[in-house]
Structures are given as structure tokens and as C-alpha cells.
């Protein structure tokens, strides 16, 4: 069974947004993002990872584009990535970003859109600050 463990917001200034969520809600800053896809900050309440991302280009940002501000996607952790991939695809999800051929980070995910165009990702390796 997959569990919701990740929420990503697309924001114009990840550092400023991180200060807000840290100070307003007591979330802990648990990491930084600096990839070809985006820069950002990871926070956590001890169970769920909150990613505050500034996308570099439109392609990895998906249908909303790099300048979108708001809830970007959610993520589910699962035990078997291949089986979960088959299950979401059988129910109408469309893959738009697969795991990289070479893992450049300690975690990675597959990104999909559901039947309404909402972006979600699945992983078996988790996110910074997310409890399995």
C-alpha cells in the first residue's frame, strides 16, 4: 500500500518560503535541492516531506510551466516501484518523467499525471524528511 509522504510547492523564492514554514509551523529544514530540474529547500514535520521548489525550465515543471506558483505535486512512497507503476498506469495515469538512468541524488521518483492532469510521483526510496 502506498502512503502520502511528499508535497511540493512551486515558489519564486524557496529560501524565503522555507523561513515562513519553519517559523510559522515549526517545520525543520532537512535539505536543499540543487539539480538540473530545480533549486529548493526540503522541510519536514517528521512524517511528511515538504519541498519548496523553483523550477529551472518548463520541461521538468510539467504542464504548469516553471513560473507557476502553488501546489505543484504530491508524492507516494511504495514498497515495489514496478508494481505500483503498473497499478497507477492500469488506472489511467500517464507517465511524464521516469527515473533517471543515472541516479545523481540519494532518492528519485517517477512522475505521472492522473486523469485530471494532477501531477503525482511515486518512489520506493523516499524523500528527505519523509518517514517510510
C-alpha atoms as a PDB file:
ATOM      1  CA  UNK A   1       0.000   0.000   0.000  1.00  0.00           C
ATOM      2  CA  UNK A   2       1.353   3.435  -0.953  1.00  0.00           C
ATOM      3  CA  UNK A   3       1.433   6.247   1.622  1.00  0.00           C
ATOM      4  CA  UNK A   4       1.313  10.001   1.057  1.00  0.00           C
ATOM      5  CA  UNK A   5       4.678  11.340   2.235  1.00  0.00           C
ATOM      6  CA  UNK A   6       5.566  14.286  -0.016  1.00  0.00           C
ATOM      7  CA  UNK A   7       4.039  17.598  -1.072  1.00  0.00           C
ATOM      8  CA  UNK A   8       5.807  20.013  -3.422  1.00  0.00           C
ATOM      9  CA  UNK A   9       5.077  23.689  -3.839  1.00  0.00           C
ATOM     10  CA  UNK A  10       6.420  25.712  -6.740  1.00  0.00           C
ATOM     11  CA  UNK A  11       7.584  29.041  -5.305  1.00  0.00           C
ATOM     12  CA  UNK A  12       9.565  32.043  -6.580  1.00  0.00           C
ATOM     13  CA  UNK A  13      11.930  32.196  -3.556  1.00  0.00           C
ATOM     14  CA  UNK A  14      12.448  28.827  -1.820  1.00  0.00           C
ATOM     15  CA  UNK A  15      14.636  30.275   0.965  1.00  0.00           C
ATOM     16  CA  UNK A  16      12.034  32.889   1.947  1.00  0.00           C
ATOM     17  CA  UNK A  17       9.238  30.322   1.779  1.00  0.00           C
ATOM     18  CA  UNK A  18      11.288  27.918   3.916  1.00  0.00           C
ATOM     19  CA  UNK A  19      11.737  30.577   6.594  1.00  0.00           C
ATOM     20  CA  UNK A  20       7.962  31.116   6.630  1.00  0.00           C
ATOM     21  CA  UNK A  21       7.086  27.408   7.031  1.00  0.00           C
ATOM     22  CA  UNK A  22       9.863  26.912   9.588  1.00  0.00           C
ATOM     23  CA  UNK A  23       8.834  29.910  11.685  1.00  0.00           C
ATOM     24  CA  UNK A  24       5.050  29.708  11.240  1.00  0.00           C
ATOM     25  CA  UNK A  25       4.627  25.928  11.649  1.00  0.00           C
ATOM     26  CA  UNK A  26       7.824  24.720  13.309  1.00  0.00           C
ATOM     27  CA  UNK A  27       8.873  22.562  10.357  1.00  0.00           C
ATOM     28  CA  UNK A  28      12.505  21.515  10.285  1.00  0.00           C
ATOM     29  CA  UNK A  29      14.710  22.338   7.314  1.00  0.00           C
ATOM     30  CA  UNK A  30      16.143  18.942   6.322  1.00  0.00           C
ATOM     31  CA  UNK A  31      17.857  19.543   2.996  1.00  0.00           C
ATOM     32  CA  UNK A  32      18.475  21.530  -0.148  1.00  0.00           C
ATOM     33  CA  UNK A  33      17.597  20.828  -3.771  1.00  0.00           C
ATOM     34  CA  UNK A  34      20.063  21.811  -6.473  1.00  0.00           C
ATOM     35  CA  UNK A  35      19.592  19.722  -9.589  1.00  0.00           C
ATOM     36  CA  UNK A  36      19.188  20.256 -13.301  1.00  0.00           C
ATOM     37  CA  UNK A  37      15.443  20.318 -12.573  1.00  0.00           C
ATOM     38  CA  UNK A  38      15.109  22.798  -9.717  1.00  0.00           C
ATOM     39  CA  UNK A  39      16.593  24.547  -6.726  1.00  0.00           C
ATOM     40  CA  UNK A  40      14.833  24.491  -3.407  1.00  0.00           C
ATOM     41  CA  UNK A  41      14.526  23.589   0.238  1.00  0.00           C
ATOM     42  CA  UNK A  42      13.125  20.464   1.911  1.00  0.00           C
ATOM     43  CA  UNK A  43      11.297  20.717   5.222  1.00  0.00           C
ATOM     44  CA  UNK A  44       9.616  18.085   7.361  1.00  0.00           C
ATOM     45  CA  UNK A  45       7.240  17.645  10.277  1.00  0.00           C
ATOM     46  CA  UNK A  46       8.858  14.272  10.961  1.00  0.00           C
ATOM     47  CA  UNK A  47       6.487  12.316   8.712  1.00  0.00           C
ATOM     48  CA  UNK A  48       5.870  14.286   5.505  1.00  0.00           C
ATOM     49  CA  UNK A  49       8.437  15.977   3.268  1.00  0.00           C
ATOM     50  CA  UNK A  50       7.534  19.481   2.046  1.00  0.00           C
ATOM     51  CA  UNK A  51       9.575  20.546  -0.988  1.00  0.00           C
ATOM     52  CA  UNK A  52       9.692  24.240  -1.882  1.00  0.00           C
ATOM     53  CA  UNK A  53      10.944  24.299  -5.476  1.00  0.00           C
ATOM     54  CA  UNK A  54      11.922  26.865  -8.073  1.00  0.00           C
ATOM     55  CA  UNK A  55      11.963  25.063 -11.403  1.00  0.00           C
ATOM     56  CA  UNK A  56      14.748  25.985 -13.833  1.00  0.00           C
ATOM     57  CA  UNK A  57      12.866  25.290 -17.087  1.00  0.00           C
ATOM     58  CA  UNK A  58       9.357  24.470 -18.274  1.00  0.00           C
ATOM     59  CA  UNK A  59      10.009  20.833 -19.278  1.00  0.00           C
ATOM     60  CA  UNK A  60      10.527  19.291 -15.805  1.00  0.00           C
ATOM     61  CA  UNK A  61       7.857  21.555 -14.321  1.00  0.00           C
ATOM     62  CA  UNK A  62       5.269  19.799 -16.440  1.00  0.00           C
ATOM     63  CA  UNK A  63       2.079  21.296 -17.849  1.00  0.00           C
ATOM     64  CA  UNK A  64       2.078  24.281 -15.457  1.00  0.00           C
ATOM     65  CA  UNK A  65       5.490  25.581 -16.518  1.00  0.00           C
ATOM     66  CA  UNK A  66       8.353  26.920 -14.421  1.00  0.00           C
ATOM     67  CA  UNK A  67       6.621  30.165 -13.424  1.00  0.00           C
ATOM     68  CA  UNK A  68       3.586  28.523 -11.799  1.00  0.00           C
ATOM     69  CA  UNK A  69       3.253  29.301  -8.077  1.00  0.00           C
ATOM     70  CA  UNK A  70       1.274  26.952  -5.850  1.00  0.00           C
ATOM     71  CA  UNK A  71       0.743  23.287  -5.106  1.00  0.00           C
ATOM     72  CA  UNK A  72       2.739  21.501  -7.795  1.00  0.00           C
ATOM     73  CA  UNK A  73       2.525  17.790  -6.961  1.00  0.00           C
ATOM     74  CA  UNK A  74       2.247  15.180  -4.234  1.00  0.00           C
ATOM     75  CA  UNK A  75       4.229  12.014  -3.732  1.00  0.00           C
ATOM     76  CA  UNK A  76       3.513   8.497  -2.560  1.00  0.00           C
ATOM     77  CA  UNK A  77       6.053   6.067  -1.164  1.00  0.00           C
ATOM     78  CA  UNK A  78       5.585   2.400  -2.027  1.00  0.00           C
ATOM     79  CA  UNK A  79       7.401  -0.852  -1.407  1.00  0.00           C
ATOM     80  CA  UNK A  80       7.573  -2.031  -5.026  1.00  0.00           C
ATOM     81  CA  UNK A  81       8.070   0.733  -7.606  1.00  0.00           C
ATOM     82  CA  UNK A  82       7.466  -1.515 -10.632  1.00  0.00           C
ATOM     83  CA  UNK A  83       4.227  -2.958  -9.217  1.00  0.00           C
ATOM     84  CA  UNK A  84       2.943   0.480  -8.173  1.00  0.00           C
ATOM     85  CA  UNK A  85       3.809   1.840 -11.619  1.00  0.00           C
ATOM     86  CA  UNK A  86       1.751  -0.893 -13.265  1.00  0.00           C
ATOM     87  CA  UNK A  87      -1.148  -0.241 -10.890  1.00  0.00           C
ATOM     88  CA  UNK A  88      -1.351   3.521 -11.478  1.00  0.00           C
ATOM     89  CA  UNK A  89      -0.959   3.040 -15.248  1.00  0.00           C
ATOM     90  CA  UNK A  90      -3.754   0.437 -15.279  1.00  0.00           C
ATOM     91  CA  UNK A  91      -5.980   3.043 -13.649  1.00  0.00           C
ATOM     92  CA  UNK A  92      -5.254   5.726 -16.242  1.00  0.00           C
ATOM     93  CA  UNK A  93      -2.154   7.572 -15.025  1.00  0.00           C
ATOM     94  CA  UNK A  94       0.228   8.914 -17.678  1.00  0.00           C
ATOM     95  CA  UNK A  95       3.989   8.846 -17.088  1.00  0.00           C
ATOM     96  CA  UNK A  96       5.691  12.137 -17.865  1.00  0.00           C
ATOM     97  CA  UNK A  97       9.078  11.743 -16.138  1.00  0.00           C
ATOM     98  CA  UNK A  98      10.742   8.404 -15.484  1.00  0.00           C
ATOM     99  CA  UNK A  99      13.543   7.712 -13.031  1.00  0.00           C
ATOM    100  CA  UNK A 100      16.911   8.869 -14.392  1.00  0.00           C
ATOM    101  CA  UNK A 101      19.297   6.388 -15.999  1.00  0.00           C
ATOM    102  CA  UNK A 102      21.955   7.566 -13.574  1.00  0.00           C
ATOM    103  CA  UNK A 103      20.855   8.441 -10.059  1.00  0.00           C
ATOM    104  CA  UNK A 104      22.509  11.746  -9.187  1.00  0.00           C
ATOM    105  CA  UNK A 105      20.710  12.045  -5.852  1.00  0.00           C
ATOM    106  CA  UNK A 106      20.064   9.686  -2.982  1.00  0.00           C
ATOM    107  CA  UNK A 107      16.398   9.397  -3.928  1.00  0.00           C
ATOM    108  CA  UNK A 108      14.306   9.626  -7.075  1.00  0.00           C
ATOM    109  CA  UNK A 109      10.767   9.187  -8.274  1.00  0.00           C
ATOM    110  CA  UNK A 110       8.583   8.575 -11.304  1.00  0.00           C
ATOM    111  CA  UNK A 111       6.225  11.445 -12.150  1.00  0.00           C
ATOM    112  CA  UNK A 112       2.728  10.910 -13.516  1.00  0.00           C
ATOM    113  CA  UNK A 113      -0.418  12.858 -14.228  1.00  0.00           C
ATOM    114  CA  UNK A 114      -3.778  11.480 -13.188  1.00  0.00           C
ATOM    115  CA  UNK A 115      -6.935  11.605 -15.334  1.00  0.00           C
ATOM    116  CA  UNK A 116      -7.490  15.240 -14.291  1.00  0.00           C
ATOM    117  CA  UNK A 117      -3.938  16.341 -15.090  1.00  0.00           C
ATOM    118  CA  UNK A 118      -2.847  16.484 -11.427  1.00  0.00           C
ATOM    119  CA  UNK A 119       0.833  15.627 -11.016  1.00  0.00           C
ATOM    120  CA  UNK A 120       1.940  12.970  -8.543  1.00  0.00           C
ATOM    121  CA  UNK A 121       5.047  10.931  -8.104  1.00  0.00           C
ATOM    122  CA  UNK A 122       5.839   7.514  -6.705  1.00  0.00           C
ATOM    123  CA  UNK A 123       9.061   6.219  -5.201  1.00  0.00           C
ATOM    124  CA  UNK A 124      10.395   3.370  -3.139  1.00  0.00           C
ATOM    125  CA  UNK A 125      13.379   5.353  -1.871  1.00  0.00           C
ATOM    126  CA  UNK A 126      11.599   8.285  -0.193  1.00  0.00           C
ATOM    127  CA  UNK A 127      12.312  11.989   0.223  1.00  0.00           C
ATOM    128  CA  UNK A 128      14.373  13.974   2.697  1.00  0.00           C
ATOM    129  CA  UNK A 129      12.380  14.254   5.913  1.00  0.00           C
ATOM    130  CA  UNK A 130       9.663  11.755   4.975  1.00  0.00           C
ATOM    131  CA  UNK A 131       9.059   8.720   7.143  1.00  0.00           C
ATOM    132  CA  UNK A 132       8.659   5.442   5.207  1.00  0.00           C
END
